Structures are given as structure tokens and as C-alpha cells.
N, C-alpha and C. Protein backbone atom coordinates (compact mmCIF):
# COMPACT_ATOMS: atom_id res chain seq x y z
N MET A 1 15.76 20.01 -10.35
CA MET A 1 14.33 19.58 -9.15
C MET A 1 13.68 18.86 -9.29
N ILE A 2 12.74 18.99 -10.29
CA ILE A 2 11.52 18.48 -11.07
C ILE A 2 12.25 17.04 -11.44
N ASP A 3 12.97 16.97 -12.18
CA ASP A 3 13.94 15.61 -12.92
C ASP A 3 14.28 14.71 -11.63
N ILE A 4 14.66 14.94 -10.32
CA ILE A 4 14.95 14.24 -9.23
C ILE A 4 13.27 13.58 -8.56
N PHE A 5 12.53 14.73 -9.00
CA PHE A 5 11.54 14.36 -8.33
C PHE A 5 10.45 13.38 -9.09
N SER A 6 10.83 13.72 -10.56
CA SER A 6 9.71 12.82 -11.41
C SER A 6 10.60 10.96 -11.27
N TYR A 7 11.90 11.05 -11.47
CA TYR A 7 12.61 9.89 -11.27
C TYR A 7 11.90 9.48 -9.88
N ILE A 8 12.24 9.96 -9.01
CA ILE A 8 11.48 9.34 -7.46
C ILE A 8 9.92 8.74 -7.52
N CYS A 9 9.79 9.59 -8.19
CA CYS A 9 7.54 8.78 -8.54
C CYS A 9 7.53 7.65 -9.58
N ILE A 10 8.77 7.47 -10.73
CA ILE A 10 8.92 6.30 -11.34
C ILE A 10 9.22 5.27 -10.62
N THR A 11 10.44 5.47 -9.76
CA THR A 11 10.72 4.61 -8.99
C THR A 11 9.28 3.86 -7.71
N ILE A 12 9.23 4.86 -7.02
CA ILE A 12 7.95 4.44 -6.34
C ILE A 12 6.78 3.52 -6.70
N GLY A 13 6.57 3.93 -8.43
CA GLY A 13 5.84 3.37 -8.95
C GLY A 13 5.95 2.11 -9.38
N ILE A 14 7.29 1.78 -9.85
CA ILE A 14 7.56 0.56 -10.23
C ILE A 14 7.66 -0.21 -8.45
N VAL A 15 7.85 0.13 -7.26
CA VAL A 15 8.09 -0.52 -6.09
C VAL A 15 6.78 -0.77 -6.10
N PHE A 16 5.85 -0.11 -6.41
CA PHE A 16 4.35 -0.90 -6.20
C PHE A 16 4.11 -1.85 -7.20
N TRP A 17 4.80 -1.71 -8.34
CA TRP A 17 4.49 -2.95 -8.99
C TRP A 17 5.02 -4.13 -8.27
N PHE A 18 5.85 -4.12 -7.78
CA PHE A 18 6.90 -5.73 -7.24
C PHE A 18 6.08 -5.85 -6.08
N TRP A 19 5.48 -4.44 -4.96
CA TRP A 19 4.88 -5.16 -4.22
C TRP A 19 3.39 -5.54 -4.03
N GLY A 20 2.92 -5.35 -5.57
CA GLY A 20 2.07 -6.48 -6.16
C GLY A 20 1.40 -7.42 -6.05
N THR A 21 3.52 -7.94 -6.40
CA THR A 21 3.02 -9.17 -7.10
C THR A 21 3.72 -10.25 -6.44
N PHE A 22 4.28 -9.90 -5.21
CA PHE A 22 5.31 -10.49 -4.41
C PHE A 22 4.08 -11.68 -3.90
N PRO A 23 2.71 -11.47 -3.08
CA PRO A 23 1.73 -11.93 -2.74
C PRO A 23 1.11 -12.88 -3.29
N LEU A 24 1.33 -13.12 -4.48
CA LEU A 24 0.81 -13.84 -5.63
C LEU A 24 1.40 -14.85 -5.47
N VAL A 25 2.88 -15.42 -4.69
CA VAL A 25 3.20 -16.44 -4.36
C VAL A 25 3.17 -17.14 -2.95
N GLY A 26 2.12 -16.58 -2.11
CA GLY A 26 1.80 -16.90 -1.17
C GLY A 26 0.22 -17.90 -1.32
N ASN A 27 -0.08 -17.96 0.21
CA ASN A 27 -0.84 -19.19 -0.17
C ASN A 27 -2.58 -18.69 0.33
N ARG A 28 -2.56 -17.47 -0.06
CA ARG A 28 -3.42 -16.69 0.44
C ARG A 28 -5.01 -17.11 -0.48
N SER A 29 -5.87 -16.65 -0.45
CA SER A 29 -7.24 -16.55 -1.53
C SER A 29 -7.10 -16.42 -2.97
N VAL A 30 -7.26 -16.63 -3.92
CA VAL A 30 -7.10 -16.01 -5.28
C VAL A 30 -7.74 -14.80 -4.85
N LEU A 31 -9.06 -14.53 -4.52
CA LEU A 31 -9.68 -12.82 -4.48
C LEU A 31 -8.60 -12.06 -3.49
N PHE A 32 -7.96 -12.32 -2.59
CA PHE A 32 -7.07 -11.87 -1.98
C PHE A 32 -5.56 -11.48 -2.54
N LYS A 33 -5.12 -11.89 -3.83
CA LYS A 33 -4.21 -12.15 -4.78
C LYS A 33 -4.56 -11.28 -5.85
N LEU A 34 -5.78 -11.43 -6.23
CA LEU A 34 -6.31 -10.12 -7.42
C LEU A 34 -6.36 -9.04 -7.04
N HIS A 35 -7.01 -8.93 -5.39
CA HIS A 35 -7.34 -7.41 -4.51
C HIS A 35 -5.86 -6.61 -4.91
N THR A 36 -4.63 -7.53 -4.27
CA THR A 36 -3.39 -7.09 -3.71
C THR A 36 -2.73 -6.19 -5.36
N LEU A 37 -3.28 -7.56 -6.27
CA LEU A 37 -2.29 -7.00 -7.45
C LEU A 37 -2.92 -6.17 -8.15
N SER A 38 -4.36 -6.22 -8.06
CA SER A 38 -4.96 -4.75 -9.18
C SER A 38 -4.72 -3.56 -8.36
N VAL A 39 -4.71 -3.38 -7.18
CA VAL A 39 -4.93 -1.86 -6.28
C VAL A 39 -3.20 -1.67 -6.50
N ALA A 40 -2.04 -2.12 -6.03
CA ALA A 40 -0.91 -1.84 -6.51
C ALA A 40 -0.46 -1.54 -8.00
N ASP A 41 -1.16 -2.65 -8.70
CA ASP A 41 -0.82 -1.98 -10.42
C ASP A 41 -1.52 -0.71 -10.59
N THR A 42 -2.66 -0.41 -10.09
CA THR A 42 -3.23 0.78 -10.20
C THR A 42 -2.39 1.55 -9.81
N LEU A 43 -2.48 1.80 -8.55
CA LEU A 43 -1.55 2.96 -7.96
C LEU A 43 0.03 3.32 -8.73
N GLY A 44 0.87 1.91 -8.48
CA GLY A 44 2.15 2.09 -9.50
C GLY A 44 2.05 2.75 -10.97
N SER A 45 0.90 2.47 -11.64
CA SER A 45 1.20 2.71 -12.69
C SER A 45 0.71 4.45 -12.81
N MET A 46 -0.10 4.69 -11.98
CA MET A 46 -0.56 6.24 -11.75
C MET A 46 0.38 7.10 -11.43
N ILE A 47 1.72 6.53 -10.31
CA ILE A 47 2.53 7.19 -9.92
C ILE A 47 3.98 7.38 -10.99
N ILE A 48 3.74 6.15 -11.93
CA ILE A 48 4.77 6.76 -12.81
C ILE A 48 4.46 7.72 -13.85
N VAL A 49 3.12 7.13 -14.13
CA VAL A 49 2.17 8.55 -15.13
C VAL A 49 2.27 9.55 -15.28
N VAL A 50 2.51 9.83 -13.23
CA VAL A 50 2.65 11.33 -12.80
C VAL A 50 3.65 11.74 -12.83
N GLY A 51 4.93 10.52 -12.52
CA GLY A 51 6.52 10.68 -13.11
C GLY A 51 6.80 11.18 -14.22
N LEU A 52 6.29 10.61 -15.35
CA LEU A 52 6.15 11.11 -16.74
C LEU A 52 5.45 12.37 -17.51
N LEU A 53 4.05 12.87 -16.81
CA LEU A 53 3.76 13.95 -16.66
C LEU A 53 5.17 14.97 -16.08
N LEU A 54 5.63 15.13 -15.09
CA LEU A 54 6.37 15.78 -14.77
C LEU A 54 8.23 15.98 -15.90
N GLN A 55 8.46 14.89 -16.34
CA GLN A 55 8.76 15.28 -17.41
C GLN A 55 8.87 15.38 -18.87
N ILE A 56 7.56 15.34 -19.08
CA ILE A 56 6.91 15.70 -20.77
C ILE A 56 5.97 16.78 -20.21
N PRO A 57 5.65 17.23 -19.89
CA PRO A 57 4.73 18.35 -19.33
C PRO A 57 3.39 19.00 -20.60
N SER A 58 4.38 19.02 -21.86
CA SER A 58 3.70 19.21 -23.10
C SER A 58 2.55 18.40 -23.46
N GLU A 59 2.35 16.65 -22.89
CA GLU A 59 1.79 15.67 -23.23
C GLU A 59 0.36 15.58 -22.34
N TRP A 60 0.49 16.90 -21.36
CA TRP A 60 -0.49 16.35 -20.62
C TRP A 60 -2.21 15.99 -20.55
N PRO A 61 -2.30 16.42 -22.01
CA PRO A 61 -3.86 16.04 -21.80
C PRO A 61 -3.93 14.58 -22.17
N LEU A 62 -2.77 13.59 -22.54
CA LEU A 62 -2.61 12.43 -23.03
C LEU A 62 -2.58 11.68 -22.13
N LEU A 63 -1.58 12.63 -21.08
CA LEU A 63 -1.20 11.43 -19.95
C LEU A 63 -2.49 11.74 -18.49
N ILE A 64 -2.85 12.84 -18.92
CA ILE A 64 -4.13 12.38 -17.84
C ILE A 64 -5.38 11.85 -17.80
N LEU A 65 -5.56 11.32 -19.33
CA LEU A 65 -6.25 10.39 -20.11
C LEU A 65 -5.63 9.30 -20.03
N ALA A 66 -4.59 9.37 -19.57
CA ALA A 66 -4.13 7.82 -19.07
C ALA A 66 -4.58 7.47 -17.35
N ILE A 67 -4.12 8.45 -17.10
CA ILE A 67 -4.02 7.98 -15.44
C ILE A 67 -5.59 8.42 -15.12
N LEU A 68 -7.25 8.61 -15.89
CA LEU A 68 -8.73 8.38 -15.67
C LEU A 68 -8.79 6.99 -15.96
N THR A 69 -8.20 6.69 -17.33
CA THR A 69 -8.11 5.28 -17.61
C THR A 69 -7.69 4.42 -17.19
N LEU A 70 -6.37 4.44 -16.10
CA LEU A 70 -6.01 3.49 -15.55
C LEU A 70 -6.96 3.62 -14.26
N ALA A 71 -7.40 4.58 -13.69
CA ALA A 71 -8.06 4.09 -12.26
C ALA A 71 -9.76 3.54 -12.51
N ILE A 72 -9.90 4.06 -14.12
CA ILE A 72 -11.36 3.42 -14.34
C ILE A 72 -11.29 1.88 -14.58
N TRP A 73 -10.59 1.81 -15.61
CA TRP A 73 -10.64 0.23 -16.21
C TRP A 73 -9.58 -0.81 -15.57
N ASN A 74 -8.90 -0.80 -14.83
CA ASN A 74 -8.47 -0.98 -13.49
C ASN A 74 -9.24 -1.67 -12.53
N THR A 75 -9.74 -0.78 -12.20
CA THR A 75 -10.86 -1.10 -11.36
C THR A 75 -11.85 -2.12 -11.87
N VAL A 76 -12.15 -1.44 -13.11
CA VAL A 76 -13.28 -2.28 -12.86
C VAL A 76 -12.87 -3.85 -13.54
N LEU A 77 -11.97 -4.11 -13.97
CA LEU A 77 -11.44 -5.17 -14.42
C LEU A 77 -11.06 -5.92 -13.31
N GLY A 78 -10.59 -5.53 -12.69
CA GLY A 78 -10.10 -6.38 -11.21
C GLY A 78 -12.09 -6.92 -10.75
N TYR A 79 -12.88 -5.58 -10.45
CA TYR A 79 -14.40 -6.75 -10.28
C TYR A 79 -14.86 -7.38 -10.57
N VAL A 80 -14.46 -7.47 -12.09
CA VAL A 80 -15.14 -8.40 -13.17
C VAL A 80 -13.83 -9.18 -12.79
N LEU A 81 -13.22 -9.99 -12.79
CA LEU A 81 -12.27 -10.95 -12.45
C LEU A 81 -12.58 -11.03 -10.96
N ALA A 82 -12.61 -10.74 -10.51
CA ALA A 82 -13.34 -11.18 -9.06
C ALA A 82 -14.90 -11.75 -9.19
N TYR A 83 -15.70 -11.18 -9.70
CA TYR A 83 -17.39 -11.33 -9.86
C TYR A 83 -17.44 -12.82 -10.60
N CYS A 84 -16.11 -12.94 -11.65
CA CYS A 84 -15.78 -14.65 -12.55
C CYS A 84 -15.22 -15.54 -11.41
N SER A 85 -14.63 -15.19 -11.24
CA SER A 85 -14.17 -16.29 -10.30
C SER A 85 -14.61 -17.14 -8.71
N THR A 86 -15.49 -16.17 -8.25
CA THR A 86 -16.31 -16.59 -7.35
C THR A 86 -17.24 -18.01 -7.44
N PRO A 87 -17.97 -18.73 -7.02
CA PRO A 87 -18.96 -19.76 -7.23
C PRO A 87 -19.88 -19.36 -7.05
N ARG A 88 -20.57 -19.61 -8.16
CA ARG A 88 -21.95 -19.44 -8.11
C ARG A 88 -23.13 -20.50 -7.11
N GLU A 89 -23.65 -20.35 -6.50
CA GLU A 89 -24.22 -21.43 -5.51
C GLU A 89 -25.65 -21.81 -6.45
N ASP A 90 -26.61 -20.41 -7.03
CA ASP A 90 -27.63 -20.91 -7.43
C ASP A 90 -27.35 -20.22 -9.21
N TYR A 91 -27.49 -21.46 -9.66
CA TYR A 91 -27.77 -21.59 -11.41
C TYR A 91 -28.96 -21.49 -11.62
N ASP A 92 -29.78 -20.37 -12.64
CA ASP A 92 -31.07 -20.66 -13.61
C ASP A 92 -30.52 -21.56 -14.53
N GLU A 93 -31.11 -22.87 -14.51
CA GLU A 93 -30.66 -23.66 -15.81
C GLU A 93 -31.91 -24.31 -16.55
């Protein structure tokens, strides 16, 4: 039963990855595309790691660290990319 739930988590994570990739081909703004991609990538990766946690429970400290790292760094890097991609009106030269 745990194996089935693990495979379901991994499949849902992969679906999130693809779901976040599809808006990249649309005509929306760069920030919308970046937001969609970063949220879907973070959630998909975290769900995949939960599926791996169910498969390999002996490695729980490493996998919990991976989940926390994904939650923090994907969020921070998405914010930094969005901040750097917006044009600045006031430059101090």
C-alpha cells in the first residue's frame, strides 16, 4: 500500500512539473511565467521527495533536509529572478 501511495506522489510531482512548464509557451508576462514555473517546480519537487521518503524511510533526515531546502531556496531564487527582471526607474548614477 505504501508503494502505491509513493508512486502516486511521484506521479503527481511529475504532473506539477509539466503543469508549470506549459505556461512558458503562452503570451503572458515574464513574471507570470516565472511565478507559475517556480511554484509548480517547488511543489512538484517536494511531492516527489515525499514519495521518495515513503520508499526509503531510512534516509528521512536527508530527505527532510531536501524538502526544507527546496521550500526555502526555490522561493528565494524565484523572488531574486523576479526582482532582477523588473525594470528600475530610478538609478543612482
